[in-house]
Amino acid sequence: MPMLVRTMHATALLLLSLSSLAADTNDRDRQLAMQLAIELKAALAAALQGPAEGAIAVCNERAPQIAKKIAQDNTVKIGRTALKLRNPSNAPTEWQRAVLLDFQNRVASGEAIASLEYSTTAQVNGQVEHRYMKAIGVEPLCVTCHGVQIAPAVKEAIRVKYPADAATGFSVGDLRGAVYVVRSGNTAHK
């Protein structure tokens, strides 16, 4: 085989291999995003068996604990972010904000929130970083604390925990934000 053909063949095999690694990484990150969403939803549903303002503590305390456990178990960064924030520590990075704005535009164009996801690989400080985001849609459970009409006791609990809250006024079916998963360095393709 001539050298150019061998080089092209090797390059094609490398690209196929990298594509397969990215697909595997996306599948794993999709599963982690789903795990965070499922565990958080279960904790919220349990909290809402009592007074609704109990759900505020779940998002404030339990959500970071759930994310931390998943992150430690999988050597990733994972969390939630949004354009309309309740918790300032969930503020999007520059790239996350760009993805959220893209999700918002895609929803406005008629795309289903459930289908919205993003992934890329970037170089950050000389390290490979795999970035994944999955959109979060507003469900009936969410409007208790994020809806248009919020019970006075819930409003007060939000005001106490989050004086700068901007995460209300949502309806079922709106885009709430996204779950992100970031793998850095050696974990970017695991």
C-alpha atoms as a PDB file:
ATOM      1  CA  MET A   1       0.000   0.000   0.000  1.00  0.00           C
ATOM      2  CA  PRO A   2       1.434   3.416  -0.889  1.00  0.00           C
ATOM      3  CA  MET A   3       2.411   5.607   2.094  1.00  0.00           C
ATOM      4  CA  LEU A   4      -0.346   8.203   1.455  1.00  0.00           C
ATOM      5  CA  VAL A   5      -3.046   5.509   1.366  1.00  0.00           C
ATOM      6  CA  ARG A   6      -1.711   3.929   4.587  1.00  0.00           C
ATOM      7  CA  THR A   7      -1.674   7.337   6.279  1.00  0.00           C
ATOM      8  CA  MET A   8      -5.229   8.081   5.132  1.00  0.00           C
ATOM      9  CA  HIS A   9      -6.351   4.621   6.279  1.00  0.00           C
ATOM     10  CA  ALA A  10      -4.715   5.092   9.703  1.00  0.00           C
ATOM     11  CA  THR A  11      -6.268   8.549  10.023  1.00  0.00           C
ATOM     12  CA  ALA A  12      -9.709   7.168   9.161  1.00  0.00           C
ATOM     13  CA  LEU A  13      -9.326   4.406  11.758  1.00  0.00           C
ATOM     14  CA  LEU A  14      -8.220   6.938  14.377  1.00  0.00           C
ATOM     15  CA  LEU A  15     -11.228   9.162  13.628  1.00  0.00           C
ATOM     16  CA  LEU A  16     -13.597   6.187  13.870  1.00  0.00           C
ATOM     17  CA  SER A  17     -12.004   5.207  17.175  1.00  0.00           C
ATOM     18  CA  LEU A  18     -12.308   8.751  18.573  1.00  0.00           C
ATOM     19  CA  SER A  19     -15.904   8.939  17.370  1.00  0.00           C
ATOM     20  CA  SER A  20     -16.670   5.691  19.181  1.00  0.00           C
ATOM     21  CA  LEU A  21     -14.994   6.984  22.364  1.00  0.00           C
ATOM     22  CA  ALA A  22     -17.036  10.200  22.193  1.00  0.00           C
ATOM     23  CA  ALA A  23     -20.265   8.221  21.711  1.00  0.00           C
ATOM     24  CA  ASP A  24     -19.414   6.006  24.705  1.00  0.00           C
ATOM     25  CA  THR A  25     -18.598   9.092  26.795  1.00  0.00           C
ATOM     26  CA  ASN A  26     -21.880  10.739  25.762  1.00  0.00           C
ATOM     27  CA  ASP A  27     -23.809   7.615  26.751  1.00  0.00           C
ATOM     28  CA  ARG A  28     -22.132   7.534  30.165  1.00  0.00           C
ATOM     29  CA  ASP A  29     -22.643  11.254  30.697  1.00  0.00           C
ATOM     30  CA  ARG A  30     -26.279  11.007  29.605  1.00  0.00           C
ATOM     31  CA  GLN A  31     -26.745   8.249  32.211  1.00  0.00           C
ATOM     32  CA  LEU A  32     -25.105  10.385  34.915  1.00  0.00           C
ATOM     33  CA  ALA A  33     -27.306  13.371  34.028  1.00  0.00           C
ATOM     34  CA  MET A  34     -30.343  11.093  34.190  1.00  0.00           C
ATOM     35  CA  GLN A  35     -29.185   9.682  37.545  1.00  0.00           C
ATOM     36  CA  LEU A  36     -28.925  13.196  39.014  1.00  0.00           C
ATOM     37  CA  ALA A  37     -32.358  14.126  37.664  1.00  0.00           C
ATOM     38  CA  ILE A  38     -34.009  10.923  38.934  1.00  0.00           C
ATOM     39  CA  GLU A  39     -32.459  11.112  42.412  1.00  0.00           C
ATOM     40  CA  LEU A  40     -33.328  14.794  42.761  1.00  0.00           C
ATOM     41  CA  LYS A  41     -36.896  14.271  41.536  1.00  0.00           C
ATOM     42  CA  ALA A  42     -37.366  11.420  44.036  1.00  0.00           C
ATOM     43  CA  ALA A  43     -36.054  13.589  46.884  1.00  0.00           C
ATOM     44  CA  LEU A  44     -38.351  16.448  45.835  1.00  0.00           C
ATOM     45  CA  ALA A  45     -41.386  14.158  45.562  1.00  0.00           C
ATOM     46  CA  ALA A  46     -40.668  12.817  49.068  1.00  0.00           C
ATOM     47  CA  ALA A  47     -40.280  16.351  50.464  1.00  0.00           C
ATOM     48  CA  LEU A  48     -43.554  17.419  48.869  1.00  0.00           C
ATOM     49  CA  GLN A  49     -45.391  14.776  50.902  1.00  0.00           C
ATOM     50  CA  GLY A  50     -45.105  17.346  53.701  1.00  0.00           C
ATOM     51  CA  PRO A  51     -45.306  21.134  53.559  1.00  0.00           C
ATOM     52  CA  ALA A  52     -44.248  22.379  50.116  1.00  0.00           C
ATOM     53  CA  GLU A  53     -41.587  24.696  51.520  1.00  0.00           C
ATOM     54  CA  GLY A  54     -39.662  21.529  52.480  1.00  0.00           C
ATOM     55  CA  ALA A  55     -38.750  21.172  48.818  1.00  0.00           C
ATOM     56  CA  ILE A  56     -36.612  24.319  49.084  1.00  0.00           C
ATOM     57  CA  ALA A  57     -34.231  22.504  51.439  1.00  0.00           C
ATOM     58  CA  VAL A  58     -33.978  19.611  48.974  1.00  0.00           C
ATOM     59  CA  CYS A  59     -32.707  21.871  46.195  1.00  0.00           C
ATOM     60  CA  ASN A  60     -30.556  23.855  48.611  1.00  0.00           C
ATOM     61  CA  GLU A  61     -28.972  20.948  50.509  1.00  0.00           C
ATOM     62  CA  ARG A  62     -29.769  17.562  48.943  1.00  0.00           C
ATOM     63  CA  ALA A  63     -29.138  18.457  45.274  1.00  0.00           C
ATOM     64  CA  PRO A  64     -25.494  19.447  45.898  1.00  0.00           C
ATOM     65  CA  GLN A  65     -24.999  16.291  48.009  1.00  0.00           C
ATOM     66  CA  ILE A  66     -26.414  14.088  45.245  1.00  0.00           C
ATOM     67  CA  ALA A  67     -24.233  15.813  42.635  1.00  0.00           C
ATOM     68  CA  LYS A  68     -21.143  15.525  44.836  1.00  0.00           C
ATOM     69  CA  LYS A  69     -21.661  11.782  45.328  1.00  0.00           C
ATOM     70  CA  ILE A  70     -22.137  11.165  41.595  1.00  0.00           C
ATOM     71  CA  ALA A  71     -19.085  13.335  40.843  1.00  0.00           C
ATOM     72  CA  GLN A  72     -16.887  11.444  43.323  1.00  0.00           C
ATOM     73  CA  ASP A  73     -18.087   8.030  42.165  1.00  0.00           C
ATOM     74  CA  ASN A  74     -17.417   8.861  38.504  1.00  0.00           C
ATOM     75  CA  THR A  75     -14.522  11.352  38.588  1.00  0.00           C
ATOM     76  CA  VAL A  76     -16.560  14.082  36.882  1.00  0.00           C
ATOM     77  CA  LYS A  77     -18.006  17.495  37.614  1.00  0.00           C
ATOM     78  CA  ILE A  78     -21.807  17.371  37.529  1.00  0.00           C
ATOM     79  CA  GLY A  79     -24.495  19.838  38.461  1.00  0.00           C
ATOM     80  CA  ARG A  80     -27.403  21.974  37.360  1.00  0.00           C
ATOM     81  CA  THR A  81     -27.348  25.388  35.764  1.00  0.00           C
ATOM     82  CA  ALA A  82     -29.850  27.808  34.267  1.00  0.00           C
ATOM     83  CA  LEU A  83     -30.300  31.270  32.831  1.00  0.00           C
ATOM     84  CA  LYS A  84     -32.831  32.220  35.521  1.00  0.00           C
ATOM     85  CA  LEU A  85     -31.049  31.379  38.761  1.00  0.00           C
ATOM     86  CA  ARG A  86     -32.265  30.623  42.207  1.00  0.00           C
ATOM     87  CA  ASN A  87     -28.939  29.551  43.680  1.00  0.00           C
ATOM     88  CA  PRO A  88     -26.045  31.782  42.567  1.00  0.00           C
ATOM     89  CA  SER A  89     -23.610  28.869  42.941  1.00  0.00           C
ATOM     90  CA  ASN A  90     -25.367  27.259  39.948  1.00  0.00           C
ATOM     91  CA  ALA A  91     -24.477  30.165  37.625  1.00  0.00           C
ATOM     92  CA  PRO A  92     -23.462  28.959  34.177  1.00  0.00           C
ATOM     93  CA  THR A  93     -19.933  29.249  32.886  1.00  0.00           C
ATOM     94  CA  GLU A  94     -19.448  31.074  29.589  1.00  0.00           C
ATOM     95  CA  TRP A  95     -19.754  27.878  27.523  1.00  0.00           C
ATOM     96  CA  GLN A  96     -22.764  26.651  29.547  1.00  0.00           C
ATOM     97  CA  ARG A  97     -24.519  29.992  29.044  1.00  0.00           C
ATOM     98  CA  ALA A  98     -23.975  29.732  25.281  1.00  0.00           C
ATOM     99  CA  VAL A  99     -25.455  26.212  25.287  1.00  0.00           C
ATOM    100  CA  LEU A 100     -28.451  27.320  27.397  1.00  0.00           C
ATOM    101  CA  LEU A 101     -29.131  30.178  24.970  1.00  0.00           C
ATOM    102  CA  ASP A 102     -28.915  27.708  22.080  1.00  0.00           C
ATOM    103  CA  PHE A 103     -31.354  25.368  23.887  1.00  0.00           C
ATOM    104  CA  GLN A 104     -33.691  28.325  24.427  1.00  0.00           C
ATOM    105  CA  ASN A 105     -33.599  29.199  20.705  1.00  0.00           C
ATOM    106  CA  ARG A 106     -34.159  25.580  19.708  1.00  0.00           C
ATOM    107  CA  VAL A 107     -37.197  25.328  22.018  1.00  0.00           C
ATOM    108  CA  ALA A 108     -38.545  28.554  20.507  1.00  0.00           C
ATOM    109  CA  SER A 109     -38.129  26.930  17.074  1.00  0.00           C
ATOM    110  CA  GLY A 110     -40.244  23.959  18.159  1.00  0.00           C
ATOM    111  CA  GLU A 111     -37.678  21.361  19.251  1.00  0.00           C
ATOM    112  CA  ALA A 112     -38.736  19.124  22.108  1.00  0.00           C
ATOM    113  CA  ILE A 113     -36.897  19.826  25.354  1.00  0.00           C
ATOM    114  CA  ALA A 114     -36.398  16.096  25.936  1.00  0.00           C
ATOM    115  CA  SER A 115     -34.254  15.896  22.782  1.00  0.00           C
ATOM    116  CA  LEU A 116     -31.938  18.781  23.675  1.00  0.00           C
ATOM    117  CA  GLU A 117     -28.406  17.797  24.536  1.00  0.00           C
ATOM    118  CA  TYR A 118     -24.939  19.048  23.738  1.00  0.00           C
ATOM    119  CA  SER A 119     -21.454  17.590  23.809  1.00  0.00           C
ATOM    120  CA  THR A 120     -18.020  18.671  22.719  1.00  0.00           C
ATOM    121  CA  THR A 121     -14.391  18.193  23.557  1.00  0.00           C
ATOM    122  CA  ALA A 122     -12.298  21.256  24.341  1.00  0.00           C
ATOM    123  CA  GLN A 123      -8.713  22.033  25.300  1.00  0.00           C
ATOM    124  CA  VAL A 124      -8.554  23.756  28.686  1.00  0.00           C
ATOM    125  CA  ASN A 125      -5.167  24.636  30.163  1.00  0.00           C
ATOM    126  CA  GLY A 126      -3.512  21.958  28.044  1.00  0.00           C
ATOM    127  CA  GLN A 127      -5.984  19.276  29.169  1.00  0.00           C
ATOM    128  CA  VAL A 128      -8.752  17.597  27.198  1.00  0.00           C
ATOM    129  CA  GLU A 129     -12.183  18.403  28.629  1.00  0.00           C
ATOM    130  CA  HIS A 130     -15.334  16.573  27.527  1.00  0.00           C
ATOM    131  CA  ARG A 131     -18.435  18.707  28.075  1.00  0.00           C
ATOM    132  CA  TYR A 132     -21.991  17.398  28.087  1.00  0.00           C
ATOM    133  CA  MET A 133     -25.321  19.119  28.822  1.00  0.00           C
ATOM    134  CA  LYS A 134     -28.888  17.787  28.894  1.00  0.00           C
ATOM    135  CA  ALA A 135     -31.852  20.168  29.019  1.00  0.00           C
ATOM    136  CA  ILE A 136     -34.242  20.144  31.981  1.00  0.00           C
ATOM    137  CA  GLY A 137     -37.913  20.746  31.253  1.00  0.00           C
ATOM    138  CA  VAL A 138     -40.365  22.093  33.809  1.00  0.00           C
ATOM    139  CA  GLU A 139     -42.594  19.295  35.106  1.00  0.00           C
ATOM    140  CA  PRO A 140     -45.735  19.581  37.273  1.00  0.00           C
ATOM    141  CA  LEU A 141     -43.617  18.963  40.402  1.00  0.00           C
ATOM    142  CA  CYS A 142     -41.409  21.968  39.532  1.00  0.00           C
ATOM    143  CA  VAL A 143     -44.117  24.628  39.439  1.00  0.00           C
ATOM    144  CA  THR A 144     -44.693  24.282  43.179  1.00  0.00           C
ATOM    145  CA  CYS A 145     -41.566  26.397  43.699  1.00  0.00           C
ATOM    146  CA  HIS A 146     -40.807  27.695  40.199  1.00  0.00           C
ATOM    147  CA  GLY A 147     -44.286  28.420  38.831  1.00  0.00           C
ATOM    148  CA  VAL A 148     -46.357  31.515  38.293  1.00  0.00           C
ATOM    149  CA  GLN A 149     -48.577  31.032  41.350  1.00  0.00           C
ATOM    150  CA  ILE A 150     -46.560  30.053  44.395  1.00  0.00           C
ATOM    151  CA  ALA A 151     -48.022  29.558  47.876  1.00  0.00           C
ATOM    152  CA  PRO A 152     -47.123  32.361  50.318  1.00  0.00           C
ATOM    153  CA  ALA A 153     -45.216  30.021  52.679  1.00  0.00           C
ATOM    154  CA  VAL A 154     -43.139  28.740  49.754  1.00  0.00           C
ATOM    155  CA  LYS A 155     -42.468  32.302  48.546  1.00  0.00           C
ATOM    156  CA  GLU A 156     -41.259  33.226  52.021  1.00  0.00           C
ATOM    157  CA  ALA A 157     -38.992  30.152  52.260  1.00  0.00           C
ATOM    158  CA  ILE A 158     -37.507  31.050  48.863  1.00  0.00           C
ATOM    159  CA  ARG A 159     -37.003  34.673  49.931  1.00  0.00           C
ATOM    160  CA  VAL A 160     -35.181  33.604  53.103  1.00  0.00           C
ATOM    161  CA  LYS A 161     -32.815  31.133  51.369  1.00  0.00           C
ATOM    162  CA  TYR A 162     -32.461  33.001  48.072  1.00  0.00           C
ATOM    163  CA  PRO A 163     -32.991  36.758  48.399  1.00  0.00           C
ATOM    164  CA  ALA A 164     -31.939  37.348  44.749  1.00  0.00           C
ATOM    165  CA  ASP A 165     -34.138  34.555  43.330  1.00  0.00           C
ATOM    166  CA  ALA A 166     -34.971  34.878  39.637  1.00  0.00           C
ATOM    167  CA  ALA A 167     -36.257  31.333  39.062  1.00  0.00           C
ATOM    168  CA  THR A 168     -40.036  31.732  39.137  1.00  0.00           C
ATOM    169  CA  GLY A 169     -42.686  32.357  36.501  1.00  0.00           C
ATOM    170  CA  PHE A 170     -42.248  28.992  34.769  1.00  0.00           C
ATOM    171  CA  SER A 171     -45.017  26.828  33.342  1.00  0.00           C
ATOM    172  CA  VAL A 172     -45.053  23.088  32.735  1.00  0.00           C
ATOM    173  CA  GLY A 173     -43.184  22.427  29.497  1.00  0.00           C
ATOM    174  CA  ASP A 174     -40.817  25.409  29.741  1.00  0.00           C
ATOM    175  CA  LEU A 175     -37.056  25.045  29.584  1.00  0.00           C
ATOM    176  CA  ARG A 176     -35.818  25.278  33.194  1.00  0.00           C
ATOM    177  CA  GLY A 177     -32.089  24.789  32.635  1.00  0.00           C
ATOM    178  CA  ALA A 178     -29.704  21.882  32.144  1.00  0.00           C
ATOM    179  CA  VAL A 179     -27.636  19.231  33.850  1.00  0.00           C
ATOM    180  CA  TYR A 180     -23.960  19.362  32.908  1.00  0.00           C
ATOM    181  CA  VAL A 181     -21.244  16.726  33.122  1.00  0.00           C
ATOM    182  CA  VAL A 182     -17.577  17.639  32.608  1.00  0.00           C
ATOM    183  CA  ARG A 183     -14.729  15.137  32.329  1.00  0.00           C
ATOM    184  CA  SER A 184     -11.192  16.483  32.450  1.00  0.00           C
ATOM    185  CA  GLY A 185      -7.756  15.100  31.624  1.00  0.00           C
ATOM    186  CA  ASN A 186      -7.533  11.314  31.742  1.00  0.00           C
ATOM    187  CA  THR A 187     -11.249  10.911  32.492  1.00  0.00           C
ATOM    188  CA  ALA A 188     -12.357  12.752  29.318  1.00  0.00           C
ATOM    189  CA  HIS A 189     -12.642   9.482  27.383  1.00  0.00           C
ATOM    190  CA  LYS A 190     -13.440   7.004  30.150  1.00  0.00           C
END
